[in-house]
Amino acid sequence: MTTSSIDDESLSALFRRAEAERAAIESSSPTSADYGTRVAEAMTLYERVQSGITSLSLFSRNEGIDDVSTSSLPLLSVEWRLAELEVARWEGVDRKDALRRARERYGLFLDLVDAYGLVVPPYHSLLERFRSRPGEFSVVDEGFGGRGLAAKRDAKIAAFKAEKELPGPLLSRTGKPLQPFTLVNSRADRSRAVFRPGHNLPTMSVDEYLAEERRRGGILDGGGGGGADDGGGKRGGGGGPDDDRGDEDVATYKARAWDDFKDDNPRGSGNTLNMG
């Protein structure tokens, strides 16, 4: 970790200092004597944080939001904070240039959070329009029914509904997490996933599989036994042509077997002692 741009302070500590300075600016009057100086000091702090983020390659577009540590999540807002301070500057600066820089910083912030999949409808469509014509962008577009008061009201309602769908703010005004971030289901689930076999285990036993197949009709219960009983019943009742033919075949097989035995064993061939 390089310390040339952030001295011996950690990024989190430096970010908290910048957030505290910004909160003090928001509670003060723009006409106060030291307003411009405090804005410049807050911007310097945020720029040092952003320099540290860049030098450490803290964020990557090749990773997901779950790969970002909880302590680093507030640092995603640095470009947004700088854009707000650019808008707040009015002493000794060209307002047109300040607003242009603010728009560029807003764009950098939106690109970053969009890369992590944090831009949700209806804001994603607005972001696409902003990218296509950033110099002419307006929240109210033809899709909202024109540029009149009704269109502005519809745009505000849509934004309000989208905001209400969120569970609540994740960060306080000073960047402190207000809600715990759950990156895994539970420690027990994670332990089971680590120590389980590398192959997929069967989800049912053999008996359960046979029961399921029987329920689906793939197995006929009592098919062989029922046929035997039916056959026995028919023979008991006099039988039919098929039963008679079966009896004839059995008798034929027995006769042939007896003939083969007599051919292989002629009479007296086994009486070597001349007995009988």
C-alpha atoms as a PDB file:
ATOM      1  CA  MET A   1       0.000   0.000   0.000  1.00  0.00           C
ATOM      2  CA  THR A   2       1.432   3.336  -1.058  1.00  0.00           C
ATOM      3  CA  THR A   3       1.348   6.177   1.436  1.00  0.00           C
ATOM      4  CA  SER A   4       2.572   9.104  -0.690  1.00  0.00           C
ATOM      5  CA  SER A   5      -0.948  10.386  -1.384  1.00  0.00           C
ATOM      6  CA  ILE A   6      -2.709   9.451   1.845  1.00  0.00           C
ATOM      7  CA  ASP A   7       0.204   9.687   4.308  1.00  0.00           C
ATOM      8  CA  ASP A   8      -0.234   7.281   7.228  1.00  0.00           C
ATOM      9  CA  GLU A   9      -4.025   7.447   7.310  1.00  0.00           C
ATOM     10  CA  SER A  10      -6.149   4.611   6.101  1.00  0.00           C
ATOM     11  CA  LEU A  11      -8.658   5.269   3.363  1.00  0.00           C
ATOM     12  CA  SER A  12     -11.559   4.644   5.724  1.00  0.00           C
ATOM     13  CA  ALA A  13     -10.301   7.179   8.262  1.00  0.00           C
ATOM     14  CA  LEU A  14      -9.649   9.729   5.527  1.00  0.00           C
ATOM     15  CA  PHE A  15     -13.103   9.135   4.092  1.00  0.00           C
ATOM     16  CA  ARG A  16     -14.707   9.658   7.507  1.00  0.00           C
ATOM     17  CA  ARG A  17     -12.897  12.995   7.816  1.00  0.00           C
ATOM     18  CA  ALA A  18     -14.187  14.032   4.399  1.00  0.00           C
ATOM     19  CA  GLU A  19     -17.735  12.970   5.292  1.00  0.00           C
ATOM     20  CA  ALA A  20     -17.647  14.918   8.537  1.00  0.00           C
ATOM     21  CA  GLU A  21     -16.447  18.021   6.682  1.00  0.00           C
ATOM     22  CA  ARG A  22     -19.163  17.652   4.069  1.00  0.00           C
ATOM     23  CA  ALA A  23     -21.858  17.243   6.753  1.00  0.00           C
ATOM     24  CA  ALA A  24     -20.639  20.454   8.403  1.00  0.00           C
ATOM     25  CA  ILE A  25     -20.847  22.255   5.051  1.00  0.00           C
ATOM     26  CA  GLU A  26     -24.430  21.125   4.492  1.00  0.00           C
ATOM     27  CA  SER A  27     -25.443  22.494   7.884  1.00  0.00           C
ATOM     28  CA  SER A  28     -23.781  25.882   7.254  1.00  0.00           C
ATOM     29  CA  SER A  29     -24.922  28.814   5.137  1.00  0.00           C
ATOM     30  CA  PRO A  30     -23.508  29.307   1.619  1.00  0.00           C
ATOM     31  CA  THR A  31     -23.085  32.960   2.426  1.00  0.00           C
ATOM     32  CA  SER A  32     -20.802  32.347   5.413  1.00  0.00           C
ATOM     33  CA  ALA A  33     -17.271  33.712   5.210  1.00  0.00           C
ATOM     34  CA  ASP A  34     -15.525  30.333   5.302  1.00  0.00           C
ATOM     35  CA  TYR A  35     -18.008  28.420   3.132  1.00  0.00           C
ATOM     36  CA  GLY A  36     -15.832  28.402   0.019  1.00  0.00           C
ATOM     37  CA  THR A  37     -12.751  27.421   2.001  1.00  0.00           C
ATOM     38  CA  ARG A  38     -14.499  24.493   3.668  1.00  0.00           C
ATOM     39  CA  VAL A  39     -15.819  23.258   0.336  1.00  0.00           C
ATOM     40  CA  ALA A  40     -12.279  23.322  -1.076  1.00  0.00           C
ATOM     41  CA  GLU A  41     -10.916  21.474   1.960  1.00  0.00           C
ATOM     42  CA  ALA A  42     -13.596  18.786   1.720  1.00  0.00           C
ATOM     43  CA  MET A  43     -12.858  18.327  -1.975  1.00  0.00           C
ATOM     44  CA  THR A  44      -9.147  17.936  -1.200  1.00  0.00           C
ATOM     45  CA  LEU A  45      -9.943  15.165   1.291  1.00  0.00           C
ATOM     46  CA  TYR A  46     -12.185  13.332  -1.157  1.00  0.00           C
ATOM     47  CA  GLU A  47      -9.609  13.671  -3.929  1.00  0.00           C
ATOM     48  CA  ARG A  48      -6.983  12.104  -1.654  1.00  0.00           C
ATOM     49  CA  VAL A  49      -9.360   9.221  -0.993  1.00  0.00           C
ATOM     50  CA  GLN A  50      -9.978   8.819  -4.719  1.00  0.00           C
ATOM     51  CA  SER A  51      -6.232   8.864  -5.360  1.00  0.00           C
ATOM     52  CA  GLY A  52      -5.762   6.077  -2.823  1.00  0.00           C
ATOM     53  CA  ILE A  53      -8.586   4.045  -4.391  1.00  0.00           C
ATOM     54  CA  THR A  54      -6.941   4.371  -7.804  1.00  0.00           C
ATOM     55  CA  SER A  55      -3.453   3.502  -6.585  1.00  0.00           C
ATOM     56  CA  LEU A  56      -4.731   0.427  -4.731  1.00  0.00           C
ATOM     57  CA  SER A  57      -7.037  -0.652  -7.585  1.00  0.00           C
ATOM     58  CA  LEU A  58      -9.685  -1.095  -4.927  1.00  0.00           C
ATOM     59  CA  PHE A  59     -12.565  -1.532  -7.371  1.00  0.00           C
ATOM     60  CA  SER A  60     -12.591  -3.646 -10.507  1.00  0.00           C
ATOM     61  CA  ARG A  61     -15.196  -3.965 -13.224  1.00  0.00           C
ATOM     62  CA  ASN A  62     -14.405  -7.669 -13.419  1.00  0.00           C
ATOM     63  CA  GLU A  63     -15.852  -8.448  -9.980  1.00  0.00           C
ATOM     64  CA  GLY A  64     -19.298  -8.430  -8.422  1.00  0.00           C
ATOM     65  CA  ILE A  65     -20.642  -6.428  -5.523  1.00  0.00           C
ATOM     66  CA  ASP A  66     -20.279  -9.489  -3.244  1.00  0.00           C
ATOM     67  CA  ASP A  67     -16.530  -9.337  -3.838  1.00  0.00           C
ATOM     68  CA  VAL A  68     -16.304  -5.856  -2.286  1.00  0.00           C
ATOM     69  CA  SER A  69     -15.611  -5.825   1.447  1.00  0.00           C
ATOM     70  CA  THR A  70     -18.158  -4.170   3.705  1.00  0.00           C
ATOM     71  CA  SER A  71     -15.671  -1.539   4.845  1.00  0.00           C
ATOM     72  CA  SER A  72     -15.002  -0.548   1.221  1.00  0.00           C
ATOM     73  CA  LEU A  73     -18.624  -0.126   0.164  1.00  0.00           C
ATOM     74  CA  PRO A  74     -18.910   3.534   1.320  1.00  0.00           C
ATOM     75  CA  LEU A  75     -15.910   4.390  -0.856  1.00  0.00           C
ATOM     76  CA  LEU A  76     -18.043   3.756  -3.943  1.00  0.00           C
ATOM     77  CA  SER A  77     -19.632   7.168  -3.342  1.00  0.00           C
ATOM     78  CA  VAL A  78     -16.455   9.275  -3.561  1.00  0.00           C
ATOM     79  CA  GLU A  79     -17.060  10.519  -7.134  1.00  0.00           C
ATOM     80  CA  TRP A  80     -20.659  11.297  -6.240  1.00  0.00           C
ATOM     81  CA  ARG A  81     -19.531  13.359  -3.236  1.00  0.00           C
ATOM     82  CA  LEU A  82     -17.042  15.231  -5.393  1.00  0.00           C
ATOM     83  CA  ALA A  83     -19.770  15.985  -7.931  1.00  0.00           C
ATOM     84  CA  GLU A  84     -21.989  17.426  -5.195  1.00  0.00           C
ATOM     85  CA  LEU A  85     -19.171  19.637  -3.959  1.00  0.00           C
ATOM     86  CA  GLU A  86     -18.462  20.817  -7.515  1.00  0.00           C
ATOM     87  CA  VAL A  87     -22.070  21.976  -7.712  1.00  0.00           C
ATOM     88  CA  ALA A  88     -21.745  23.721  -4.325  1.00  0.00           C
ATOM     89  CA  ARG A  89     -18.672  25.721  -5.385  1.00  0.00           C
ATOM     90  CA  TRP A  90     -19.333  29.306  -6.378  1.00  0.00           C
ATOM     91  CA  GLU A  91     -16.409  31.372  -5.131  1.00  0.00           C
ATOM     92  CA  GLY A  92     -13.522  31.983  -7.507  1.00  0.00           C
ATOM     93  CA  VAL A  93     -14.624  29.398 -10.071  1.00  0.00           C
ATOM     94  CA  ASP A  94     -16.359  29.439 -13.419  1.00  0.00           C
ATOM     95  CA  ARG A  95     -19.808  28.031 -12.784  1.00  0.00           C
ATOM     96  CA  LYS A  96     -20.078  26.542 -16.236  1.00  0.00           C
ATOM     97  CA  ASP A  97     -16.783  24.683 -15.839  1.00  0.00           C
ATOM     98  CA  ALA A  98     -17.762  23.569 -12.324  1.00  0.00           C
ATOM     99  CA  LEU A  99     -21.057  22.121 -13.570  1.00  0.00           C
ATOM    100  CA  ARG A 100     -19.283  20.384 -16.453  1.00  0.00           C
ATOM    101  CA  ARG A 101     -16.860  18.741 -14.009  1.00  0.00           C
ATOM    102  CA  ALA A 102     -19.780  17.780 -11.772  1.00  0.00           C
ATOM    103  CA  ARG A 103     -21.507  16.092 -14.703  1.00  0.00           C
ATOM    104  CA  GLU A 104     -18.338  14.149 -15.524  1.00  0.00           C
ATOM    105  CA  ARG A 105     -17.985  13.005 -11.917  1.00  0.00           C
ATOM    106  CA  TYR A 106     -21.633  11.971 -11.783  1.00  0.00           C
ATOM    107  CA  GLY A 107     -21.010   9.941 -14.919  1.00  0.00           C
ATOM    108  CA  LEU A 108     -17.984   8.205 -13.366  1.00  0.00           C
ATOM    109  CA  PHE A 109     -19.977   7.352 -10.270  1.00  0.00           C
ATOM    110  CA  LEU A 110     -22.911   5.969 -12.275  1.00  0.00           C
ATOM    111  CA  ASP A 111     -20.617   3.893 -14.484  1.00  0.00           C
ATOM    112  CA  LEU A 112     -18.983   2.388 -11.400  1.00  0.00           C
ATOM    113  CA  VAL A 113     -22.181   1.400  -9.612  1.00  0.00           C
ATOM    114  CA  ASP A 114     -23.705   0.170 -12.872  1.00  0.00           C
ATOM    115  CA  ALA A 115     -20.690  -2.103 -13.394  1.00  0.00           C
ATOM    116  CA  TYR A 116     -21.516  -3.669 -10.019  1.00  0.00           C
ATOM    117  CA  GLY A 117     -25.167  -4.125 -11.000  1.00  0.00           C
ATOM    118  CA  LEU A 118     -26.511  -1.554  -8.537  1.00  0.00           C
ATOM    119  CA  VAL A 119     -28.518   0.518 -11.025  1.00  0.00           C
ATOM    120  CA  VAL A 120     -32.082  -0.839 -11.054  1.00  0.00           C
ATOM    121  CA  PRO A 121     -35.189   0.107 -13.084  1.00  0.00           C
ATOM    122  CA  PRO A 122     -36.378   2.718 -13.820  1.00  0.00           C
ATOM    123  CA  TYR A 123     -32.967   4.308 -13.307  1.00  0.00           C
ATOM    124  CA  HIS A 124     -31.189   2.060 -15.792  1.00  0.00           C
ATOM    125  CA  SER A 125     -33.149   3.481 -18.732  1.00  0.00           C
ATOM    126  CA  LEU A 126     -32.405   6.988 -17.473  1.00  0.00           C
ATOM    127  CA  LEU A 127     -28.715   6.129 -17.300  1.00  0.00           C
ATOM    128  CA  GLU A 128     -28.755   4.934 -20.909  1.00  0.00           C
ATOM    129  CA  ARG A 129     -30.307   8.229 -22.011  1.00  0.00           C
ATOM    130  CA  PHE A 130     -27.717  10.121 -19.996  1.00  0.00           C
ATOM    131  CA  ARG A 131     -24.910   8.246 -21.724  1.00  0.00           C
ATOM    132  CA  SER A 132     -26.365   8.851 -25.181  1.00  0.00           C
ATOM    133  CA  ARG A 133     -26.684  12.634 -24.733  1.00  0.00           C
ATOM    134  CA  PRO A 134     -25.145  13.821 -21.465  1.00  0.00           C
ATOM    135  CA  GLY A 135     -25.182  17.486 -22.518  1.00  0.00           C
ATOM    136  CA  GLU A 136     -28.934  17.460 -23.185  1.00  0.00           C
ATOM    137  CA  PHE A 137     -30.071  14.966 -20.582  1.00  0.00           C
ATOM    138  CA  SER A 138     -33.250  15.584 -18.623  1.00  0.00           C
ATOM    139  CA  VAL A 139     -35.069  13.243 -16.247  1.00  0.00           C
ATOM    140  CA  VAL A 140     -38.357  14.140 -17.923  1.00  0.00           C
ATOM    141  CA  ASP A 141     -38.543  12.708 -21.432  1.00  0.00           C
ATOM    142  CA  GLU A 142     -41.205  11.965 -24.025  1.00  0.00           C
ATOM    143  CA  GLY A 143     -41.712   8.634 -22.346  1.00  0.00           C
ATOM    144  CA  PHE A 144     -43.265  10.525 -19.429  1.00  0.00           C
ATOM    145  CA  GLY A 145     -45.710  12.400 -21.670  1.00  0.00           C
ATOM    146  CA  GLY A 146     -43.876  15.619 -22.490  1.00  0.00           C
ATOM    147  CA  ARG A 147     -42.012  18.277 -20.598  1.00  0.00           C
ATOM    148  CA  GLY A 148     -44.887  19.882 -18.747  1.00  0.00           C
ATOM    149  CA  LEU A 149     -45.789  19.847 -15.091  1.00  0.00           C
ATOM    150  CA  ALA A 150     -47.636  16.544 -15.482  1.00  0.00           C
ATOM    151  CA  ALA A 151     -44.515  14.882 -16.889  1.00  0.00           C
ATOM    152  CA  LYS A 152     -42.418  16.167 -13.993  1.00  0.00           C
ATOM    153  CA  ARG A 153     -44.992  14.867 -11.547  1.00  0.00           C
ATOM    154  CA  ASP A 154     -44.980  11.428 -13.211  1.00  0.00           C
ATOM    155  CA  ALA A 155     -41.189  11.334 -13.085  1.00  0.00           C
ATOM    156  CA  LYS A 156     -41.204  12.162  -9.378  1.00  0.00           C
ATOM    157  CA  ILE A 157     -43.821   9.496  -8.682  1.00  0.00           C
ATOM    158  CA  ALA A 158     -41.815   6.871 -10.576  1.00  0.00           C
ATOM    159  CA  ALA A 159     -38.659   7.769  -8.662  1.00  0.00           C
ATOM    160  CA  PHE A 160     -40.556   7.732  -5.353  1.00  0.00           C
ATOM    161  CA  LYS A 161     -41.977   4.251  -6.050  1.00  0.00           C
ATOM    162  CA  ALA A 162     -38.546   2.927  -6.957  1.00  0.00           C
ATOM    163  CA  GLU A 163     -37.106   4.363  -3.766  1.00  0.00           C
ATOM    164  CA  LYS A 164     -39.899   2.862  -1.646  1.00  0.00           C
ATOM    165  CA  GLU A 165     -39.047  -0.584  -3.024  1.00  0.00           C
ATOM    166  CA  LEU A 166     -35.667  -0.386  -1.364  1.00  0.00           C
ATOM    167  CA  PRO A 167     -35.516  -1.782   2.201  1.00  0.00           C
ATOM    168  CA  GLY A 168     -34.052   1.481   3.439  1.00  0.00           C
ATOM    169  CA  PRO A 169     -30.846   3.478   3.362  1.00  0.00           C
ATOM    170  CA  LEU A 170     -27.677   1.421   3.617  1.00  0.00           C
ATOM    171  CA  LEU A 171     -25.433   4.238   4.833  1.00  0.00           C
ATOM    172  CA  SER A 172     -25.854   7.151   7.198  1.00  0.00           C
ATOM    173  CA  ARG A 173     -24.838  10.670   6.271  1.00  0.00           C
ATOM    174  CA  THR A 174     -21.368   9.963   7.641  1.00  0.00           C
ATOM    175  CA  GLY A 175     -20.988   6.740   5.633  1.00  0.00           C
ATOM    176  CA  LYS A 176     -21.649   4.363   8.526  1.00  0.00           C
ATOM    177  CA  PRO A 177     -23.554   1.181   7.542  1.00  0.00           C
ATOM    178  CA  LEU A 178     -27.091   1.240   8.927  1.00  0.00           C
ATOM    179  CA  GLN A 179     -27.859  -2.364   8.041  1.00  0.00           C
ATOM    180  CA  PRO A 180     -25.752  -5.511   8.287  1.00  0.00           C
ATOM    181  CA  PHE A 181     -24.532  -6.831   4.962  1.00  0.00           C
ATOM    182  CA  THR A 182     -25.191 -10.571   4.515  1.00  0.00           C
ATOM    183  CA  LEU A 183     -22.843 -12.051   1.946  1.00  0.00           C
ATOM    184  CA  VAL A 184     -23.564 -15.735   2.768  1.00  0.00           C
ATOM    185  CA  ASN A 185     -26.664 -17.515   4.012  1.00  0.00           C
ATOM    186  CA  SER A 186     -25.278 -18.726   7.312  1.00  0.00           C
ATOM    187  CA  ARG A 187     -22.118 -20.108   8.845  1.00  0.00           C
ATOM    188  CA  ALA A 188     -23.691 -23.576   9.150  1.00  0.00           C
ATOM    189  CA  ASP A 189     -24.606 -23.631   5.448  1.00  0.00           C
ATOM    190  CA  ARG A 190     -21.091 -22.560   4.543  1.00  0.00           C
ATOM    191  CA  SER A 191     -19.586 -25.319   6.715  1.00  0.00           C
ATOM    192  CA  ARG A 192     -21.786 -27.965   5.140  1.00  0.00           C
ATOM    193  CA  ALA A 193     -20.782 -26.764   1.682  1.00  0.00           C
ATOM    194  CA  VAL A 194     -17.087 -27.051   2.569  1.00  0.00           C
ATOM    195  CA  PHE A 195     -17.151 -30.577   4.044  1.00  0.00           C
ATOM    196  CA  ARG A 196     -19.654 -32.211   1.710  1.00  0.00           C
ATOM    197  CA  PRO A 197     -18.490 -34.728  -0.967  1.00  0.00           C
ATOM    198  CA  GLY A 198     -17.264 -33.377  -4.270  1.00  0.00           C
ATOM    199  CA  HIS A 199     -19.868 -35.424  -6.180  1.00  0.00           C
ATOM    200  CA  ASN A 200     -23.629 -35.129  -6.113  1.00  0.00           C
ATOM    201  CA  LEU A 201     -25.301 -37.552  -3.724  1.00  0.00           C
ATOM    202  CA  PRO A 202     -28.644 -39.270  -4.558  1.00  0.00           C
ATOM    203  CA  THR A 203     -31.636 -37.386  -3.320  1.00  0.00           C
ATOM    204  CA  MET A 204     -33.713 -40.511  -2.568  1.00  0.00           C
ATOM    205  CA  SER A 205     -33.196 -44.111  -1.556  1.00  0.00           C
ATOM    206  CA  VAL A 206     -33.916 -47.127  -3.763  1.00  0.00           C
ATOM    207  CA  ASP A 207     -37.162 -47.799  -1.904  1.00  0.00           C
ATOM    208  CA  GLU A 208     -38.256 -44.196  -2.378  1.00  0.00           C
ATOM    209  CA  TYR A 209     -37.419 -44.404  -6.080  1.00  0.00           C
ATOM    210  CA  LEU A 210     -39.468 -47.595  -6.509  1.00  0.00           C
ATOM    211  CA  ALA A 211     -42.352 -46.025  -4.602  1.00  0.00           C
ATOM    212  CA  GLU A 212     -42.248 -42.984  -6.883  1.00  0.00           C
ATOM    213  CA  GLU A 213     -42.137 -45.160 -10.004  1.00  0.00           C
ATOM    214  CA  ARG A 214     -45.074 -47.177  -8.674  1.00  0.00           C
ATOM    215  CA  ARG A 215     -46.996 -43.958  -8.098  1.00  0.00           C
ATOM    216  CA  ARG A 216     -46.331 -42.850 -11.662  1.00  0.00           C
ATOM    217  CA  GLY A 217     -47.532 -46.184 -13.021  1.00  0.00           C
ATOM    218  CA  GLY A 218     -44.147 -47.437 -14.164  1.00  0.00           C
ATOM    219  CA  ILE A 219     -44.428 -50.568 -11.998  1.00  0.00           C
ATOM    220  CA  LEU A 220     -47.439 -52.896 -12.055  1.00  0.00           C
ATOM    221  CA  ASP A 221     -48.091 -54.511  -8.708  1.00  0.00           C
ATOM    222  CA  GLY A 222     -49.012 -58.233  -8.674  1.00  0.00           C
ATOM    223  CA  GLY A 223     -48.725 -58.710 -12.441  1.00  0.00           C
ATOM    224  CA  GLY A 224     -46.992 -62.113 -12.294  1.00  0.00           C
ATOM    225  CA  GLY A 225     -48.932 -63.409  -9.317  1.00  0.00           C
ATOM    226  CA  GLY A 226     -52.244 -62.327 -10.730  1.00  0.00           C
ATOM    227  CA  GLY A 227     -51.505 -64.106 -13.998  1.00  0.00           C
ATOM    228  CA  ALA A 228     -50.605 -67.320 -12.154  1.00  0.00           C
ATOM    229  CA  ASP A 229     -53.774 -67.174 -10.123  1.00  0.00           C
ATOM    230  CA  ASP A 230     -55.870 -66.535 -13.196  1.00  0.00           C
ATOM    231  CA  GLY A 231     -54.205 -69.414 -14.965  1.00  0.00           C
ATOM    232  CA  GLY A 232     -54.816 -71.707 -12.020  1.00  0.00           C
ATOM    233  CA  GLY A 233     -58.412 -70.625 -11.894  1.00  0.00           C
ATOM    234  CA  LYS A 234     -58.875 -71.437 -15.549  1.00  0.00           C
ATOM    235  CA  ARG A 235     -57.307 -74.851 -15.154  1.00  0.00           C
ATOM    236  CA  GLY A 236     -59.470 -75.508 -12.146  1.00  0.00           C
ATOM    237  CA  GLY A 237     -62.534 -74.593 -14.171  1.00  0.00           C
ATOM    238  CA  GLY A 238     -61.747 -76.892 -17.024  1.00  0.00           C
ATOM    239  CA  GLY A 239     -59.001 -74.813 -18.620  1.00  0.00           C
ATOM    240  CA  GLY A 240     -58.850 -73.572 -22.168  1.00  0.00           C
ATOM    241  CA  PRO A 241     -57.013 -74.392 -25.391  1.00  0.00           C
ATOM    242  CA  ASP A 242     -53.896 -72.529 -24.285  1.00  0.00           C
ATOM    243  CA  ASP A 243     -53.734 -74.498 -21.032  1.00  0.00           C
ATOM    244  CA  ASP A 244     -54.129 -77.832 -22.864  1.00  0.00           C
ATOM    245  CA  ARG A 245     -51.414 -76.948 -25.322  1.00  0.00           C
ATOM    246  CA  GLY A 246     -49.106 -76.104 -22.434  1.00  0.00           C
ATOM    247  CA  ASP A 247     -49.737 -79.543 -20.853  1.00  0.00           C
ATOM    248  CA  GLU A 248     -49.013 -81.283 -24.153  1.00  0.00           C
ATOM    249  CA  ASP A 249     -45.711 -79.430 -24.510  1.00  0.00           C
ATOM    250  CA  VAL A 250     -44.620 -80.486 -21.027  1.00  0.00           C
ATOM    251  CA  ALA A 251     -45.466 -84.143 -21.748  1.00  0.00           C
ATOM    252  CA  THR A 252     -43.557 -84.026 -25.033  1.00  0.00           C
ATOM    253  CA  TYR A 253     -40.473 -82.570 -23.368  1.00  0.00           C
ATOM    254  CA  LYS A 254     -40.549 -85.287 -20.707  1.00  0.00           C
ATOM    255  CA  ALA A 255     -40.877 -88.061 -23.317  1.00  0.00           C
ATOM    256  CA  ARG A 256     -37.966 -86.720 -25.329  1.00  0.00           C
ATOM    257  CA  ALA A 257     -35.808 -86.452 -22.212  1.00  0.00           C
ATOM    258  CA  TRP A 258     -36.597 -90.075 -21.298  1.00  0.00           C
ATOM    259  CA  ASP A 259     -35.739 -91.296 -24.799  1.00  0.00           C
ATOM    260  CA  ASP A 260     -32.416 -89.449 -24.703  1.00  0.00           C
ATOM    261  CA  PHE A 261     -31.634 -90.998 -21.324  1.00  0.00           C
ATOM    262  CA  LYS A 262     -32.349 -94.546 -22.595  1.00  0.00           C
ATOM    263  CA  ASP A 263     -30.158 -93.973 -25.649  1.00  0.00           C
ATOM    264  CA  ASP A 264     -27.259 -92.813 -23.504  1.00  0.00           C
ATOM    265  CA  ASN A 265     -27.766 -95.574 -20.925  1.00  0.00           C
ATOM    266  CA  PRO A 266     -28.730 -98.889 -22.590  1.00  0.00           C
ATOM    267  CA  ARG A 267     -30.255-101.640 -20.433  1.00  0.00           C
ATOM    268  CA  GLY A 268     -27.649-103.456 -18.328  1.00  0.00           C
ATOM    269  CA  SER A 269     -24.852-100.978 -19.067  1.00  0.00           C
ATOM    270  CA  GLY A 270     -24.563-100.083 -15.426  1.00  0.00           C
ATOM    271  CA  ASN A 271     -24.909-103.655 -14.047  1.00  0.00           C
ATOM    272  CA  THR A 272     -21.236-104.535 -14.030  1.00  0.00           C
ATOM    273  CA  LEU A 273     -21.574-107.122 -11.235  1.00  0.00           C
ATOM    274  CA  ASN A 274     -24.356-109.094 -13.035  1.00  0.00           C
ATOM    275  CA  MET A 275     -26.699-108.619 -10.152  1.00  0.00           C
ATOM    276  CA  GLY A 276     -30.428-109.043 -10.655  1.00  0.00           C
END
